[in-house]
PDB file of N, CA and C in Angstrom:
ATOM      1  N   UNK A   1    -113.450 -50.076  65.993  1.00  0.00           N
ATOM      2  CA  UNK A   1    -114.320 -49.538  64.960  1.00  0.00           C
ATOM      3  C   UNK A   1    -114.703 -50.653  63.998  1.00  0.00           C
ATOM      4  N   UNK A   2    -113.740 -51.286  63.371  1.00  0.00           N
ATOM      5  CA  UNK A   2    -113.997 -52.408  62.494  1.00  0.00           C
ATOM      6  C   UNK A   2    -113.531 -53.671  63.187  1.00  0.00           C
ATOM      7  N   UNK A   3    -114.197 -54.762  62.906  1.00  0.00           N
ATOM      8  CA  UNK A   3    -113.800 -56.034  63.502  1.00  0.00           C
ATOM      9  C   UNK A   3    -112.924 -56.778  62.500  1.00  0.00           C
ATOM     10  N   UNK A   4    -111.707 -56.292  62.349  1.00  0.00           N
ATOM     11  CA  UNK A   4    -110.762 -56.883  61.409  1.00  0.00           C
ATOM     12  C   UNK A   4    -109.620 -57.485  62.214  1.00  0.00           C
ATOM     13  N   UNK A   5    -109.364 -58.777  61.973  1.00  0.00           N
ATOM     14  CA  UNK A   5    -108.310 -59.472  62.688  1.00  0.00           C
ATOM     15  C   UNK A   5    -106.999 -59.427  61.923  1.00  0.00           C
ATOM     16  N   UNK A   6    -106.019 -60.085  62.497  1.00  0.00           N
ATOM     17  CA  UNK A   6    -104.678 -60.103  61.924  1.00  0.00           C
ATOM     18  C   UNK A   6    -104.674 -60.716  60.528  1.00  0.00           C
ATOM     19  N   UNK A   7    -105.376 -61.837  60.361  1.00  0.00           N
ATOM     20  CA  UNK A   7    -105.350 -62.543  59.073  1.00  0.00           C
ATOM     21  C   UNK A   7    -106.024 -61.725  57.974  1.00  0.00           C
ATOM     22  N   UNK A   8    -107.070 -60.981  58.323  1.00  0.00           N
ATOM     23  CA  UNK A   8    -107.730 -60.131  57.328  1.00  0.00           C
ATOM     24  C   UNK A   8    -106.800 -59.004  56.884  1.00  0.00           C
ATOM     25  N   UNK A   9    -106.109 -58.417  57.841  1.00  0.00           N
ATOM     26  CA  UNK A   9    -105.171 -57.336  57.507  1.00  0.00           C
ATOM     27  C   UNK A   9    -104.026 -57.880  56.652  1.00  0.00           C
ATOM     28  N   UNK A  10    -103.529 -59.051  57.009  1.00  0.00           N
ATOM     29  CA  UNK A  10    -102.459 -59.673  56.235  1.00  0.00           C
ATOM     30  C   UNK A  10    -102.921 -59.962  54.804  1.00  0.00           C
ATOM     31  N   UNK A  11    -104.131 -60.461  54.638  1.00  0.00           N
ATOM     32  CA  UNK A  11    -104.675 -60.736  53.312  1.00  0.00           C
ATOM     33  C   UNK A  11    -104.808 -59.450  52.495  1.00  0.00           C
ATOM     34  N   UNK A  12    -105.295 -58.399  53.102  1.00  0.00           N
ATOM     35  CA  UNK A  12    -105.419 -57.111  52.413  1.00  0.00           C
ATOM     36  C   UNK A  12    -104.045 -56.593  52.005  1.00  0.00           C
ATOM     37  N   UNK A  13    -103.057 -56.737  52.886  1.00  0.00           N
ATOM     38  CA  UNK A  13    -101.694 -56.304  52.576  1.00  0.00           C
ATOM     39  C   UNK A  13    -101.095 -57.067  51.414  1.00  0.00           C
ATOM     40  N   UNK A  14    -101.283 -58.382  51.404  1.00  0.00           N
ATOM     41  CA  UNK A  14    -100.752 -59.193  50.302  1.00  0.00           C
ATOM     42  C   UNK A  14    -101.442 -58.840  48.990  1.00  0.00           C
ATOM     43  N   UNK A  15    -102.764 -58.677  49.018  1.00  0.00           N
ATOM     44  CA  UNK A  15    -103.495 -58.282  47.801  1.00  0.00           C
ATOM     45  C   UNK A  15    -103.040 -56.912  47.303  1.00  0.00           C
ATOM     46  N   UNK A  16    -102.857 -55.991  48.219  1.00  0.00           N
ATOM     47  CA  UNK A  16    -102.394 -54.657  47.828  1.00  0.00           C
ATOM     48  C   UNK A  16    -101.006 -54.735  47.210  1.00  0.00           C
ATOM     49  N   UNK A  17    -100.147 -55.553  47.772  1.00  0.00           N
ATOM     50  CA  UNK A  17     -98.800 -55.718  47.236  1.00  0.00           C
ATOM     51  C   UNK A  17     -98.843 -56.317  45.832  1.00  0.00           C
ATOM     52  N   UNK A  18     -99.720 -57.273  45.634  1.00  0.00           N
ATOM     53  CA  UNK A  18     -99.832 -57.909  44.312  1.00  0.00           C
ATOM     54  C   UNK A  18    -100.426 -56.942  43.296  1.00  0.00           C
ATOM     55  N   UNK A  19    -101.472 -56.239  43.674  1.00  0.00           N
ATOM     56  CA  UNK A  19    -102.161 -55.343  42.737  1.00  0.00           C
ATOM     57  C   UNK A  19    -101.330 -54.100  42.451  1.00  0.00           C
ATOM     58  N   UNK A  20    -100.822 -53.450  43.488  1.00  0.00           N
ATOM     59  CA  UNK A  20    -100.132 -52.170  43.296  1.00  0.00           C
ATOM     60  C   UNK A  20     -98.632 -52.347  43.023  1.00  0.00           C
ATOM     61  N   UNK A  21     -98.065 -53.367  43.553  1.00  0.00           N
ATOM     62  CA  UNK A  21     -96.630 -53.551  43.389  1.00  0.00           C
ATOM     63  C   UNK A  21     -95.869 -52.846  44.486  1.00  0.00           C
ATOM     64  N   UNK A  22     -94.600 -53.199  44.662  1.00  0.00           N
ATOM     65  CA  UNK A  22     -93.810 -52.626  45.759  1.00  0.00           C
ATOM     66  C   UNK A  22     -93.467 -51.154  45.545  1.00  0.00           C
ATOM     67  N   UNK A  23     -93.515 -50.657  44.313  1.00  0.00           N
ATOM     68  CA  UNK A  23     -93.169 -49.247  44.075  1.00  0.00           C
ATOM     69  C   UNK A  23     -94.305 -48.307  44.488  1.00  0.00           C
ATOM     70  N   UNK A  24     -95.549 -48.690  44.184  1.00  0.00           N
ATOM     71  CA  UNK A  24     -96.676 -47.793  44.457  1.00  0.00           C
ATOM     72  C   UNK A  24     -97.346 -48.040  45.801  1.00  0.00           C
ATOM     73  N   UNK A  25     -97.049 -49.133  46.454  1.00  0.00           N
ATOM     74  CA  UNK A  25     -97.709 -49.468  47.723  1.00  0.00           C
ATOM     75  C   UNK A  25     -97.467 -48.430  48.827  1.00  0.00           C
ATOM     76  N   UNK A  26     -96.235 -47.956  49.066  1.00  0.00           N
ATOM     77  CA  UNK A  26     -96.047 -46.955  50.129  1.00  0.00           C
ATOM     78  C   UNK A  26     -96.839 -45.661  49.877  1.00  0.00           C
ATOM     79  N   UNK A  27     -96.862 -45.202  48.633  1.00  0.00           N
ATOM     80  CA  UNK A  27     -97.629 -43.990  48.318  1.00  0.00           C
ATOM     81  C   UNK A  27     -99.117 -44.204  48.524  1.00  0.00           C
ATOM     82  N   UNK A  28     -99.612 -45.373  48.152  1.00  0.00           N
ATOM     83  CA  UNK A  28    -101.032 -45.682  48.345  1.00  0.00           C
ATOM     84  C   UNK A  28    -101.381 -45.745  49.829  1.00  0.00           C
ATOM     85  N   UNK A  29    -100.466 -46.301  50.628  1.00  0.00           N
ATOM     86  CA  UNK A  29    -100.715 -46.364  52.070  1.00  0.00           C
ATOM     87  C   UNK A  29    -100.754 -44.969  52.690  1.00  0.00           C
ATOM     88  N   UNK A  30     -99.795 -44.121  52.279  1.00  0.00           N
ATOM     89  CA  UNK A  30     -99.790 -42.740  52.788  1.00  0.00           C
ATOM     90  C   UNK A  30    -101.072 -42.016  52.403  1.00  0.00           C
ATOM     91  N   UNK A  31    -101.496 -42.180  51.168  1.00  0.00           N
ATOM     92  CA  UNK A  31    -102.714 -41.533  50.691  1.00  0.00           C
ATOM     93  C   UNK A  31    -103.938 -42.026  51.464  1.00  0.00           C
ATOM     94  N   UNK A  32    -103.990 -43.326  51.696  1.00  0.00           N
ATOM     95  CA  UNK A  32    -105.112 -43.905  52.439  1.00  0.00           C
ATOM     96  C   UNK A  32    -105.129 -43.386  53.874  1.00  0.00           C
ATOM     97  N   UNK A  33    -103.975 -43.355  54.511  1.00  0.00           N
ATOM     98  CA  UNK A  33    -103.906 -42.854  55.888  1.00  0.00           C
ATOM     99  C   UNK A  33    -104.268 -41.374  55.971  1.00  0.00           C
ATOM    100  N   UNK A  34    -103.842 -40.607  54.990  1.00  0.00           N
ATOM    101  CA  UNK A  34    -104.180 -39.180  54.950  1.00  0.00           C
ATOM    102  C   UNK A  34    -105.687 -38.992  54.823  1.00  0.00           C
ATOM    103  N   UNK A  35    -106.316 -39.794  53.977  1.00  0.00           N
ATOM    104  CA  UNK A  35    -107.764 -39.718  53.804  1.00  0.00           C
ATOM    105  C   UNK A  35    -108.485 -40.116  55.086  1.00  0.00           C
ATOM    106  N   UNK A  36    -108.023 -41.173  55.742  1.00  0.00           N
ATOM    107  CA  UNK A  36    -108.654 -41.616  56.990  1.00  0.00           C
ATOM    108  C   UNK A  36    -108.530 -40.537  58.059  1.00  0.00           C
ATOM    109  N   UNK A  37    -107.342 -39.898  58.145  1.00  0.00           N
ATOM    110  CA  UNK A  37    -107.164 -38.808  59.118  1.00  0.00           C
ATOM    111  C   UNK A  37    -108.117 -37.655  58.841  1.00  0.00           C
ATOM    112  N   UNK A  38    -108.263 -37.285  57.585  1.00  0.00           N
ATOM    113  CA  UNK A  38    -109.144 -36.156  57.257  1.00  0.00           C
ATOM    114  C   UNK A  38    -110.602 -36.497  57.564  1.00  0.00           C
ATOM    115  N   UNK A  39    -111.013 -37.737  57.311  1.00  0.00           N
ATOM    116  CA  UNK A  39    -112.382 -38.150  57.636  1.00  0.00           C
ATOM    117  C   UNK A  39    -112.587 -38.113  59.144  1.00  0.00           C
ATOM    118  N   UNK A  40    -111.602 -38.567  59.900  1.00  0.00           N
ATOM    119  CA  UNK A  40    -111.716 -38.510  61.365  1.00  0.00           C
ATOM    120  C   UNK A  40    -111.808 -37.071  61.857  1.00  0.00           C
ATOM    121  N   UNK A  41    -111.020 -36.172  61.275  1.00  0.00           N
ATOM    122  CA  UNK A  41    -111.061 -34.769  61.686  1.00  0.00           C
ATOM    123  C   UNK A  41    -112.416 -34.152  61.379  1.00  0.00           C
ATOM    124  N   UNK A  42    -112.970 -34.466  60.222  1.00  0.00           N
ATOM    125  CA  UNK A  42    -114.294 -33.946  59.864  1.00  0.00           C
ATOM    126  C   UNK A  42    -115.336 -34.481  60.831  1.00  0.00           C
ATOM    127  N   UNK A  43    -115.272 -35.780  61.135  1.00  0.00           N
ATOM    128  CA  UNK A  43    -116.230 -36.380  62.067  1.00  0.00           C
ATOM    129  C   UNK A  43    -116.095 -35.765  63.457  1.00  0.00           C
ATOM    130  N   UNK A  44    -114.873 -35.520  63.881  1.00  0.00           N
ATOM    131  CA  UNK A  44    -114.650 -34.911  65.187  1.00  0.00           C
ATOM    132  C   UNK A  44    -115.202 -33.486  65.230  1.00  0.00           C
ATOM    133  N   UNK A  45    -114.950 -32.735  64.169  1.00  0.00           N
ATOM    134  CA  UNK A  45    -115.488 -31.374  64.101  1.00  0.00           C
ATOM    135  C   UNK A  45    -117.001 -31.367  64.103  1.00  0.00           C
ATOM    136  N   UNK A  46    -117.604 -32.297  63.379  1.00  0.00           N
ATOM    137  CA  UNK A  46    -119.064 -32.392  63.352  1.00  0.00           C
ATOM    138  C   UNK A  46    -119.606 -32.722  64.735  1.00  0.00           C
ATOM    139  N   UNK A  47    -118.956 -33.661  65.410  1.00  0.00           N
ATOM    140  CA  UNK A  47    -119.389 -34.049  66.752  1.00  0.00           C
ATOM    141  C   UNK A  47    -119.303 -32.865  67.716  1.00  0.00           C
ATOM    142  N   UNK A  48    -118.206 -32.124  67.662  1.00  0.00           N
ATOM    143  CA  UNK A  48    -118.042 -30.957  68.531  1.00  0.00           C
ATOM    144  C   UNK A  48    -119.102 -29.904  68.247  1.00  0.00           C
ATOM    145  N   UNK A  49    -119.413 -29.692  66.974  1.00  0.00           N
ATOM    146  CA  UNK A  49    -120.429 -28.693  66.606  1.00  0.00           C
ATOM    147  C   UNK A  49    -121.806 -29.108  67.110  1.00  0.00           C
ATOM    148  N   UNK A  50    -122.139 -30.396  66.980  1.00  0.00           N
ATOM    149  CA  UNK A  50    -123.433 -30.881  67.467  1.00  0.00           C
ATOM    150  C   UNK A  50    -123.512 -30.729  68.984  1.00  0.00           C
ATOM    151  N   UNK A  51    -122.444 -31.078  69.689  1.00  0.00           N
ATOM    152  CA  UNK A  51    -122.439 -30.925  71.150  1.00  0.00           C
ATOM    153  C   UNK A  51    -122.599 -29.463  71.547  1.00  0.00           C
ATOM    154  N   UNK A  52    -121.939 -28.571  70.819  1.00  0.00           N
ATOM    155  CA  UNK A  52    -122.049 -27.139  71.103  1.00  0.00           C
ATOM    156  C   UNK A  52    -123.484 -26.663  70.879  1.00  0.00           C
ATOM    157  N   UNK A  53    -124.090 -27.083  69.771  1.00  0.00           N
ATOM    158  CA  UNK A  53    -125.457 -26.655  69.484  1.00  0.00           C
ATOM    159  C   UNK A  53    -126.442 -27.206  70.516  1.00  0.00           C
ATOM    160  N   UNK A  54    -126.221 -28.439  70.967  1.00  0.00           N
ATOM    161  CA  UNK A  54    -127.078 -28.993  72.017  1.00  0.00           C
ATOM    162  C   UNK A  54    -126.942 -28.208  73.314  1.00  0.00           C
ATOM    163  N   UNK A  55    -125.718 -27.800  73.634  1.00  0.00           N
ATOM    164  CA  UNK A  55    -125.498 -26.997  74.849  1.00  0.00           C
ATOM    165  C   UNK A  55    -126.189 -25.645  74.735  1.00  0.00           C
ATOM    166  N   UNK A  56    -126.078 -25.019  73.568  1.00  0.00           N
ATOM    167  CA  UNK A  56    -126.735 -23.726  73.350  1.00  0.00           C
ATOM    168  C   UNK A  56    -128.249 -23.887  73.476  1.00  0.00           C
ATOM    169  N   UNK A  57    -128.788 -24.957  72.897  1.00  0.00           N
ATOM    170  CA  UNK A  57    -130.230 -25.196  72.983  1.00  0.00           C
ATOM    171  C   UNK A  57    -130.657 -25.402  74.437  1.00  0.00           C
ATOM    172  N   UNK A  58    -129.862 -26.151  75.193  1.00  0.00           N
ATOM    173  CA  UNK A  58    -130.165 -26.384  76.599  1.00  0.00           C
ATOM    174  C   UNK A  58    -130.164 -25.063  77.381  1.00  0.00           C
ATOM    175  N   UNK A  59    -129.163 -24.229  77.134  1.00  0.00           N
ATOM    176  CA  UNK A  59    -129.110 -22.932  77.819  1.00  0.00           C
ATOM    177  C   UNK A  59    -130.308 -22.068  77.436  1.00  0.00           C
ATOM    178  N   UNK A  60    -130.687 -22.111  76.172  1.00  0.00           N
ATOM    179  CA  UNK A  60    -131.834 -21.327  75.705  1.00  0.00           C
ATOM    180  C   UNK A  60    -133.119 -21.800  76.390  1.00  0.00           C
ATOM    181  N   UNK A  61    -133.296 -23.108  76.486  1.00  0.00           N
ATOM    182  CA  UNK A  61    -134.487 -23.642  77.156  1.00  0.00           C
ATOM    183  C   UNK A  61    -134.495 -23.265  78.637  1.00  0.00           C
ATOM    184  N   UNK A  62    -133.331 -23.334  79.280  1.00  0.00           N
ATOM    185  CA  UNK A  62    -133.252 -22.960  80.697  1.00  0.00           C
ATOM    186  C   UNK A  62    -133.543 -21.476  80.885  1.00  0.00           C
ATOM    187  N   UNK A  63    -133.090 -20.658  79.951  1.00  0.00           N
ATOM    188  CA  UNK A  63    -133.385 -19.226  80.042  1.00  0.00           C
ATOM    189  C   UNK A  63    -134.880 -18.973  79.889  1.00  0.00           C
ATOM    190  N   UNK A  64    -135.531 -19.684  79.005  1.00  0.00           N
ATOM    191  CA  UNK A  64    -136.988 -19.543  78.849  1.00  0.00           C
ATOM    192  C   UNK A  64    -137.700 -19.891  80.149  1.00  0.00           C
ATOM    193  N   UNK A  65    -137.285 -21.011  80.764  1.00  0.00           N
ATOM    194  CA  UNK A  65    -137.892 -21.418  82.028  1.00  0.00           C
ATOM    195  C   UNK A  65    -137.669 -20.363  83.100  1.00  0.00           C
ATOM    196  N   UNK A  66    -136.469 -19.817  83.151  1.00  0.00           N
ATOM    197  CA  UNK A  66    -136.149 -18.801  84.156  1.00  0.00           C
ATOM    198  C   UNK A  66    -136.973 -17.547  83.933  1.00  0.00           C
ATOM    199  N   UNK A  67    -137.140 -17.148  82.675  1.00  0.00           N
ATOM    200  CA  UNK A  67    -137.953 -15.960  82.382  1.00  0.00           C
ATOM    201  C   UNK A  67    -139.410 -16.195  82.751  1.00  0.00           C
ATOM    202  N   UNK A  68    -139.904 -17.417  82.561  1.00  0.00           N
ATOM    203  CA  UNK A  68    -141.292 -17.724  82.919  1.00  0.00           C
ATOM    204  C   UNK A  68    -141.489 -17.651  84.431  1.00  0.00           C
ATOM    205  N   UNK A  69    -140.433 -17.942  85.166  1.00  0.00           N
ATOM    206  CA  UNK A  69    -140.516 -17.860  86.622  1.00  0.00           C
ATOM    207  C   UNK A  69    -140.165 -16.468  87.131  1.00  0.00           C
ATOM    208  N   UNK A  70    -139.925 -15.546  86.239  1.00  0.00           N
ATOM    209  CA  UNK A  70    -139.621 -14.175  86.630  1.00  0.00           C
ATOM    210  C   UNK A  70    -138.218 -14.011  87.191  1.00  0.00           C
ATOM    211  N   UNK A  71    -137.321 -14.921  86.889  1.00  0.00           N
ATOM    212  CA  UNK A  71    -135.937 -14.904  87.367  1.00  0.00           C
ATOM    213  C   UNK A  71    -135.852 -14.903  88.892  1.00  0.00           C
ATOM    214  N   UNK A  72    -136.886 -15.434  89.552  1.00  0.00           N
ATOM    215  CA  UNK A  72    -136.898 -15.520  91.014  1.00  0.00           C
ATOM    216  C   UNK A  72    -137.148 -16.970  91.414  1.00  0.00           C
ATOM    217  N   UNK A  73    -136.632 -17.356  92.548  1.00  0.00           N
ATOM    218  CA  UNK A  73    -136.802 -18.711  93.083  1.00  0.00           C
ATOM    219  C   UNK A  73    -136.441 -19.768  92.038  1.00  0.00           C
ATOM    220  N   UNK A  74    -135.249 -19.641  91.473  1.00  0.00           N
ATOM    221  CA  UNK A  74    -134.808 -20.569  90.438  1.00  0.00           C
ATOM    222  C   UNK A  74    -134.150 -21.800  91.048  1.00  0.00           C
ATOM    223  N   UNK A  75    -134.271 -22.897  90.356  1.00  0.00           N
ATOM    224  CA  UNK A  75    -133.558 -24.101  90.788  1.00  0.00           C
ATOM    225  C   UNK A  75    -132.062 -23.865  90.558  1.00  0.00           C
ATOM    226  N   UNK A  76    -131.208 -24.612  91.228  1.00  0.00           N
ATOM    227  CA  UNK A  76    -129.756 -24.415  91.049  1.00  0.00           C
ATOM    228  C   UNK A  76    -129.315 -24.583  89.586  1.00  0.00           C
ATOM    229  N   UNK A  77    -129.937 -25.528  88.867  1.00  0.00           N
ATOM    230  CA  UNK A  77    -129.580 -25.734  87.458  1.00  0.00           C
ATOM    231  C   UNK A  77    -129.930 -24.507  86.619  1.00  0.00           C
ATOM    232  N   UNK A  78    -131.132 -23.966  86.824  1.00  0.00           N
ATOM    233  CA  UNK A  78    -131.529 -22.773  86.068  1.00  0.00           C
ATOM    234  C   UNK A  78    -130.674 -21.573  86.451  1.00  0.00           C
ATOM    235  N   UNK A  79    -130.354 -21.446  87.747  1.00  0.00           N
ATOM    236  CA  UNK A  79    -129.526 -20.328  88.187  1.00  0.00           C
ATOM    237  C   UNK A  79    -128.144 -20.403  87.546  1.00  0.00           C
ATOM    238  N   UNK A  80    -127.558 -21.597  87.489  1.00  0.00           N
ATOM    239  CA  UNK A  80    -126.253 -21.756  86.848  1.00  0.00           C
ATOM    240  C   UNK A  80    -126.318 -21.394  85.369  1.00  0.00           C
ATOM    241  N   UNK A  81    -127.378 -21.806  84.694  1.00  0.00           N
ATOM    242  CA  UNK A  81    -127.517 -21.485  83.272  1.00  0.00           C
ATOM    243  C   UNK A  81    -127.644 -19.980  83.059  1.00  0.00           C
ATOM    244  N   UNK A  82    -128.450 -19.337  83.881  1.00  0.00           N
ATOM    245  CA  UNK A  82    -128.638 -17.885  83.751  1.00  0.00           C
ATOM    246  C   UNK A  82    -127.324 -17.163  84.038  1.00  0.00           C
ATOM    247  N   UNK A  83    -126.605 -17.602  85.075  1.00  0.00           N
ATOM    248  CA  UNK A  83    -125.315 -16.986  85.391  1.00  0.00           C
ATOM    249  C   UNK A  83    -124.319 -17.174  84.250  1.00  0.00           C
ATOM    250  N   UNK A  84    -124.310 -18.359  83.660  1.00  0.00           N
ATOM    251  CA  UNK A  84    -123.410 -18.622  82.541  1.00  0.00           C
ATOM    252  C   UNK A  84    -123.739 -17.723  81.346  1.00  0.00           C
ATOM    253  N   UNK A  85    -125.023 -17.549  81.092  1.00  0.00           N
ATOM    254  CA  UNK A  85    -125.423 -16.675  79.980  1.00  0.00           C
ATOM    255  C   UNK A  85    -125.079 -15.213  80.270  1.00  0.00           C
ATOM    256  N   UNK A  86    -125.217 -14.791  81.517  1.00  0.00           N
ATOM    257  CA  UNK A  86    -124.858 -13.418  81.881  1.00  0.00           C
ATOM    258  C   UNK A  86    -123.357 -13.185  81.696  1.00  0.00           C
ATOM    259  N   UNK A  87    -122.556 -14.159  82.124  1.00  0.00           N
ATOM    260  CA  UNK A  87    -121.103 -14.038  81.959  1.00  0.00           C
ATOM    261  C   UNK A  87    -120.723 -13.988  80.484  1.00  0.00           C
ATOM    262  N   UNK A  88    -121.390 -14.796  79.682  1.00  0.00           N
ATOM    263  CA  UNK A  88    -121.110 -14.795  78.241  1.00  0.00           C
ATOM    264  C   UNK A  88    -121.478 -13.451  77.627  1.00  0.00           C
ATOM    265  N   UNK A  89    -122.605 -12.888  78.049  1.00  0.00           N
ATOM    266  CA  UNK A  89    -123.024 -11.588  77.518  1.00  0.00           C
ATOM    267  C   UNK A  89    -122.053 -10.493  77.934  1.00  0.00           C
ATOM    268  N   UNK A  90    -121.572 -10.548  79.172  1.00  0.00           N
ATOM    269  CA  UNK A  90    -120.609  -9.545  79.636  1.00  0.00           C
ATOM    270  C   UNK A  90    -119.283  -9.668  78.892  1.00  0.00           C
ATOM    271  N   UNK A  91    -118.856 -10.887  78.629  1.00  0.00           N
ATOM    272  CA  UNK A  91    -117.581 -11.067  77.925  1.00  0.00           C
ATOM    273  C   UNK A  91    -117.672 -10.581  76.486  1.00  0.00           C
ATOM    274  N   UNK A  92    -118.847 -10.670  75.902  1.00  0.00           N
ATOM    275  CA  UNK A  92    -119.025 -10.172  74.531  1.00  0.00           C
ATOM    276  C   UNK A  92    -119.015  -8.649  74.522  1.00  0.00           C
ATOM    277  N   UNK A  93    -119.556  -8.042  75.553  1.00  0.00           N
ATOM    278  CA  UNK A  93    -119.652  -6.579  75.597  1.00  0.00           C
ATOM    279  C   UNK A  93    -118.356  -5.917  76.020  1.00  0.00           C
ATOM    280  N   UNK A  94    -117.464  -6.620  76.695  1.00  0.00           N
ATOM    281  CA  UNK A  94    -116.217  -6.017  77.198  1.00  0.00           C
ATOM    282  C   UNK A  94    -115.375  -5.387  76.109  1.00  0.00           C
ATOM    283  N   UNK A  95    -115.166  -6.020  74.963  1.00  0.00           N
ATOM    284  CA  UNK A  95    -114.315  -5.383  73.943  1.00  0.00           C
ATOM    285  C   UNK A  95    -114.904  -4.069  73.408  1.00  0.00           C
ATOM    286  N   UNK A  96    -116.208  -3.894  73.551  1.00  0.00           N
ATOM    287  CA  UNK A  96    -116.843  -2.718  72.982  1.00  0.00           C
ATOM    288  C   UNK A  96    -117.003  -1.574  73.974  1.00  0.00           C
ATOM    289  N   UNK A  97    -116.729  -1.823  75.242  1.00  0.00           N
ATOM    290  CA  UNK A  97    -116.827  -0.766  76.240  1.00  0.00           C
ATOM    291  C   UNK A  97    -115.657   0.197  76.070  1.00  0.00           C
ATOM    292  N   UNK A  98    -115.963   1.469  76.205  1.00  0.00           N
ATOM    293  CA  UNK A  98    -114.923   2.480  76.099  1.00  0.00           C
ATOM    294  C   UNK A  98    -114.331   2.746  77.470  1.00  0.00           C
ATOM    295  N   UNK A  99    -113.035   2.960  77.544  1.00  0.00           N
ATOM    296  CA  UNK A  99    -112.382   3.179  78.855  1.00  0.00           C
ATOM    297  C   UNK A  99    -112.747   4.510  79.469  1.00  0.00           C
TER     298      UNK A  99
END
């Protein structure tokens, strides 16, 4: 991610030790690591959401194409998309069906 070598990290560590002192340095490191983890989690969640929305958009476009063709003589890609959407619709309706 960053192009930081050993000497740069060592310099940052020495500066942090001088500025913060040995008492506050461990707490500052924990706080920094916690912040970095939370930023990574947010970025990961954002990436997953974008991928999900792109997949939904792709399925929607494939469904439009399939409807324009009258749901007949579909390419394998369109057929898979339509089947996936049908399965999703059935799974949503299952909890609401009465026995």
